[in-house]
N, C-alpha and C. Protein backbone atom coordinates (compact mmCIF):
# COMPACT_ATOMS: atom_id res chain seq x y z
N MET A 1 -1.85 9.38 13.66
CA MET A 1 -1.42 9.49 12.27
C MET A 1 -2.57 9.02 11.39
N SER A 2 -2.60 9.54 10.20
CA SER A 2 -3.68 9.17 9.28
C SER A 2 -3.11 8.58 8.00
N TYR A 3 -3.99 7.87 7.29
CA TYR A 3 -3.63 7.30 5.99
C TYR A 3 -3.92 8.34 4.92
N ARG A 4 -3.06 8.38 3.91
CA ARG A 4 -3.32 9.24 2.75
C ARG A 4 -2.64 8.64 1.53
N LEU A 5 -3.18 8.98 0.38
CA LEU A 5 -2.63 8.49 -0.88
C LEU A 5 -1.83 9.61 -1.52
N LYS A 6 -0.65 9.28 -1.99
CA LYS A 6 0.24 10.25 -2.63
C LYS A 6 0.43 9.82 -4.08
N ALA A 7 -0.05 10.65 -5.01
CA ALA A 7 0.09 10.34 -6.44
C ALA A 7 1.54 10.46 -6.87
N VAL A 8 1.92 9.65 -7.86
CA VAL A 8 3.29 9.69 -8.38
C VAL A 8 3.59 11.06 -8.99
N ASP A 9 2.60 11.66 -9.65
CA ASP A 9 2.71 13.02 -10.17
C ASP A 9 1.32 13.50 -10.57
N ALA A 10 1.21 14.76 -10.97
CA ALA A 10 -0.09 15.35 -11.30
C ALA A 10 -0.72 14.74 -12.55
N GLN A 11 0.09 14.23 -13.46
CA GLN A 11 -0.43 13.62 -14.69
C GLN A 11 -0.98 12.21 -14.47
N HIS A 12 -0.66 11.60 -13.35
CA HIS A 12 -1.08 10.22 -13.06
C HIS A 12 -1.70 10.13 -11.65
N PRO A 13 -2.87 10.73 -11.45
CA PRO A 13 -3.46 10.75 -10.11
C PRO A 13 -3.95 9.39 -9.63
N ASP A 14 -4.04 8.40 -10.52
CA ASP A 14 -4.51 7.07 -10.12
C ASP A 14 -3.36 6.09 -9.86
N ILE A 15 -2.14 6.58 -9.88
CA ILE A 15 -0.98 5.76 -9.51
C ILE A 15 -0.46 6.35 -8.21
N VAL A 16 -0.67 5.61 -7.11
CA VAL A 16 -0.46 6.19 -5.79
C VAL A 16 0.38 5.29 -4.88
N ALA A 17 0.93 5.91 -3.87
CA ALA A 17 1.58 5.21 -2.76
C ALA A 17 0.73 5.48 -1.53
N LEU A 18 0.69 4.52 -0.61
CA LEU A 18 -0.04 4.68 0.63
C LEU A 18 0.93 5.16 1.70
N LYS A 19 0.58 6.26 2.35
CA LYS A 19 1.39 6.78 3.44
C LYS A 19 0.60 6.71 4.73
N TYR A 20 1.30 6.42 5.81
CA TYR A 20 0.74 6.42 7.15
C TYR A 20 1.63 7.34 7.97
N GLY A 21 1.18 8.55 8.19
CA GLY A 21 2.06 9.55 8.79
C GLY A 21 3.25 9.75 7.87
N PRO A 22 4.47 9.66 8.39
CA PRO A 22 5.65 9.83 7.53
C PRO A 22 6.07 8.56 6.80
N LEU A 23 5.45 7.42 7.12
CA LEU A 23 5.84 6.14 6.52
C LEU A 23 5.15 5.90 5.18
N VAL A 24 5.90 5.36 4.23
CA VAL A 24 5.30 4.81 3.02
C VAL A 24 5.13 3.33 3.28
N LEU A 25 3.92 2.81 3.02
CA LEU A 25 3.65 1.39 3.21
C LEU A 25 3.70 0.70 1.86
N PHE A 26 4.59 -0.25 1.71
CA PHE A 26 4.85 -0.93 0.45
C PHE A 26 4.06 -2.22 0.35
N PRO A 27 3.24 -2.39 -0.70
CA PRO A 27 2.54 -3.66 -0.90
C PRO A 27 3.55 -4.77 -1.18
N ILE A 28 3.41 -5.88 -0.47
CA ILE A 28 4.28 -7.04 -0.64
C ILE A 28 3.54 -8.02 -1.54
N SER A 29 3.99 -8.12 -2.79
CA SER A 29 3.29 -8.97 -3.75
C SER A 29 4.18 -9.22 -4.96
N SER A 30 4.10 -10.42 -5.49
CA SER A 30 4.87 -10.74 -6.70
C SER A 30 4.10 -10.36 -7.96
N SER A 31 2.84 -9.99 -7.80
CA SER A 31 2.04 -9.53 -8.94
C SER A 31 1.52 -8.13 -8.66
N VAL A 32 1.02 -7.48 -9.68
CA VAL A 32 0.50 -6.12 -9.52
C VAL A 32 -0.82 -6.18 -8.75
N PRO A 33 -0.89 -5.55 -7.59
CA PRO A 33 -2.13 -5.61 -6.80
C PRO A 33 -3.27 -4.86 -7.48
N GLU A 34 -4.46 -5.43 -7.40
CA GLU A 34 -5.67 -4.76 -7.86
C GLU A 34 -6.37 -4.24 -6.62
N VAL A 35 -6.45 -2.92 -6.51
CA VAL A 35 -6.96 -2.32 -5.28
C VAL A 35 -7.66 -1.00 -5.59
N THR A 36 -8.63 -0.65 -4.76
CA THR A 36 -9.33 0.62 -4.90
C THR A 36 -8.77 1.61 -3.88
N ARG A 37 -9.09 2.88 -4.09
CA ARG A 37 -8.69 3.91 -3.14
C ARG A 37 -9.24 3.59 -1.75
N GLN A 38 -10.53 3.23 -1.70
CA GLN A 38 -11.17 2.95 -0.42
C GLN A 38 -10.52 1.76 0.28
N GLU A 39 -10.15 0.73 -0.48
CA GLU A 39 -9.49 -0.43 0.13
C GLU A 39 -8.15 -0.03 0.73
N LEU A 40 -7.35 0.74 -0.01
CA LEU A 40 -6.05 1.18 0.51
C LEU A 40 -6.21 2.03 1.77
N LEU A 41 -7.16 2.96 1.71
CA LEU A 41 -7.36 3.83 2.86
C LEU A 41 -7.97 3.10 4.05
N GLY A 42 -8.44 1.87 3.84
CA GLY A 42 -8.97 1.04 4.91
C GLY A 42 -7.92 0.13 5.52
N ALA A 43 -6.65 0.38 5.25
CA ALA A 43 -5.56 -0.45 5.79
C ALA A 43 -5.64 -0.48 7.31
N ARG A 44 -5.30 -1.62 7.87
CA ARG A 44 -5.31 -1.81 9.32
C ARG A 44 -3.99 -2.39 9.78
N ARG A 45 -3.55 -1.91 10.93
CA ARG A 45 -2.33 -2.43 11.53
C ARG A 45 -2.53 -3.90 11.84
N ALA A 46 -1.56 -4.70 11.49
CA ALA A 46 -1.61 -6.15 11.75
C ALA A 46 -0.55 -6.48 12.79
N GLU A 47 0.02 -7.62 12.67
CA GLU A 47 1.03 -8.11 13.59
C GLU A 47 2.36 -7.37 13.39
N GLY A 48 3.02 -7.02 14.50
CA GLY A 48 4.32 -6.37 14.42
C GLY A 48 4.25 -5.04 13.70
N ARG A 49 5.14 -4.86 12.73
CA ARG A 49 5.16 -3.62 11.96
C ARG A 49 4.61 -3.85 10.56
N SER A 50 3.53 -4.60 10.46
CA SER A 50 2.91 -4.84 9.16
C SER A 50 1.47 -4.33 9.17
N TRP A 51 0.95 -4.12 7.99
CA TRP A 51 -0.42 -3.67 7.79
C TRP A 51 -1.10 -4.62 6.82
N GLN A 52 -2.42 -4.67 6.85
CA GLN A 52 -3.21 -5.51 5.94
C GLN A 52 -4.27 -4.65 5.26
N VAL A 53 -4.49 -4.95 4.00
CA VAL A 53 -5.57 -4.34 3.23
C VAL A 53 -6.42 -5.48 2.69
N GLN A 54 -7.72 -5.41 2.90
CA GLN A 54 -8.64 -6.39 2.34
C GLN A 54 -9.09 -5.91 0.97
N THR A 55 -8.82 -6.71 -0.06
CA THR A 55 -9.21 -6.38 -1.42
C THR A 55 -10.18 -7.44 -1.93
N LYS A 56 -10.72 -7.21 -3.10
CA LYS A 56 -11.60 -8.20 -3.72
C LYS A 56 -10.83 -9.50 -3.99
N MET A 57 -9.53 -9.39 -4.19
CA MET A 57 -8.69 -10.54 -4.50
C MET A 57 -8.16 -11.23 -3.24
N GLY A 58 -8.44 -10.67 -2.07
CA GLY A 58 -7.95 -11.25 -0.83
C GLY A 58 -7.18 -10.23 -0.01
N SER A 59 -6.37 -10.73 0.90
CA SER A 59 -5.61 -9.88 1.80
C SER A 59 -4.28 -9.48 1.18
N LEU A 60 -3.91 -8.21 1.35
CA LEU A 60 -2.65 -7.69 0.83
C LEU A 60 -1.84 -7.17 2.01
N LYS A 61 -0.61 -7.67 2.14
CA LYS A 61 0.28 -7.25 3.23
C LYS A 61 1.07 -6.02 2.79
N LEU A 62 1.24 -5.08 3.72
CA LEU A 62 2.05 -3.89 3.48
C LEU A 62 3.09 -3.75 4.58
N LEU A 63 4.28 -3.29 4.20
CA LEU A 63 5.35 -3.08 5.16
C LEU A 63 6.03 -1.74 4.92
N PRO A 64 6.55 -1.10 5.98
CA PRO A 64 7.42 0.05 5.76
C PRO A 64 8.76 -0.45 5.22
N PHE A 65 9.47 0.40 4.51
CA PHE A 65 10.70 -0.01 3.84
C PHE A 65 11.71 -0.68 4.78
N THR A 66 11.80 -0.18 6.01
CA THR A 66 12.78 -0.72 6.96
C THR A 66 12.49 -2.16 7.37
N GLU A 67 11.29 -2.65 7.10
CA GLU A 67 10.92 -4.02 7.47
C GLU A 67 11.00 -5.00 6.30
N ILE A 68 11.30 -4.51 5.10
CA ILE A 68 11.37 -5.38 3.93
C ILE A 68 12.75 -6.02 3.88
N THR A 69 12.76 -7.34 3.70
CA THR A 69 14.04 -8.04 3.58
C THR A 69 14.19 -8.53 2.15
N ASP A 70 13.77 -9.74 1.86
CA ASP A 70 13.92 -10.29 0.51
C ASP A 70 12.57 -10.44 -0.20
N GLN A 71 11.53 -9.76 0.29
CA GLN A 71 10.22 -9.84 -0.33
C GLN A 71 10.16 -8.99 -1.60
N THR A 72 9.28 -9.39 -2.51
CA THR A 72 9.01 -8.59 -3.71
C THR A 72 7.98 -7.55 -3.34
N TYR A 73 8.26 -6.30 -3.68
CA TYR A 73 7.36 -5.21 -3.31
C TYR A 73 7.25 -4.20 -4.45
N THR A 74 6.29 -3.30 -4.29
CA THR A 74 6.12 -2.18 -5.21
C THR A 74 5.85 -0.93 -4.37
N THR A 75 6.16 0.22 -4.91
CA THR A 75 5.88 1.46 -4.19
C THR A 75 4.52 2.01 -4.59
N TYR A 76 4.30 2.12 -5.88
CA TYR A 76 3.07 2.72 -6.39
C TYR A 76 2.16 1.64 -6.98
N VAL A 77 0.85 1.84 -6.78
CA VAL A 77 -0.15 0.94 -7.36
C VAL A 77 -1.20 1.78 -8.08
N ARG A 78 -1.80 1.19 -9.10
CA ARG A 78 -2.89 1.85 -9.82
C ARG A 78 -4.18 1.54 -9.05
N VAL A 79 -4.92 2.59 -8.75
CA VAL A 79 -6.17 2.42 -8.00
C VAL A 79 -7.35 2.77 -8.91
N SER A 80 -8.49 2.17 -8.57
CA SER A 80 -9.71 2.47 -9.32
C SER A 80 -10.66 3.26 -8.44
């Protein structure tokens, strides 16, 4: 499976969700993540069913929807 970015719509190509095959990977964060396209596409599988993205601000955890319990998450992020 490969990583790809899916824009929210054609008018907003810089607001994207990260997909891994059929899964959408949701950033787990209480604040709006600052991330680039290259950083998102560089996501790596971590422990269990989680993924990690290394950003300038540090490590960002991503989970598929079925693994989210009471964490704060977002679907779409603005990329630079």
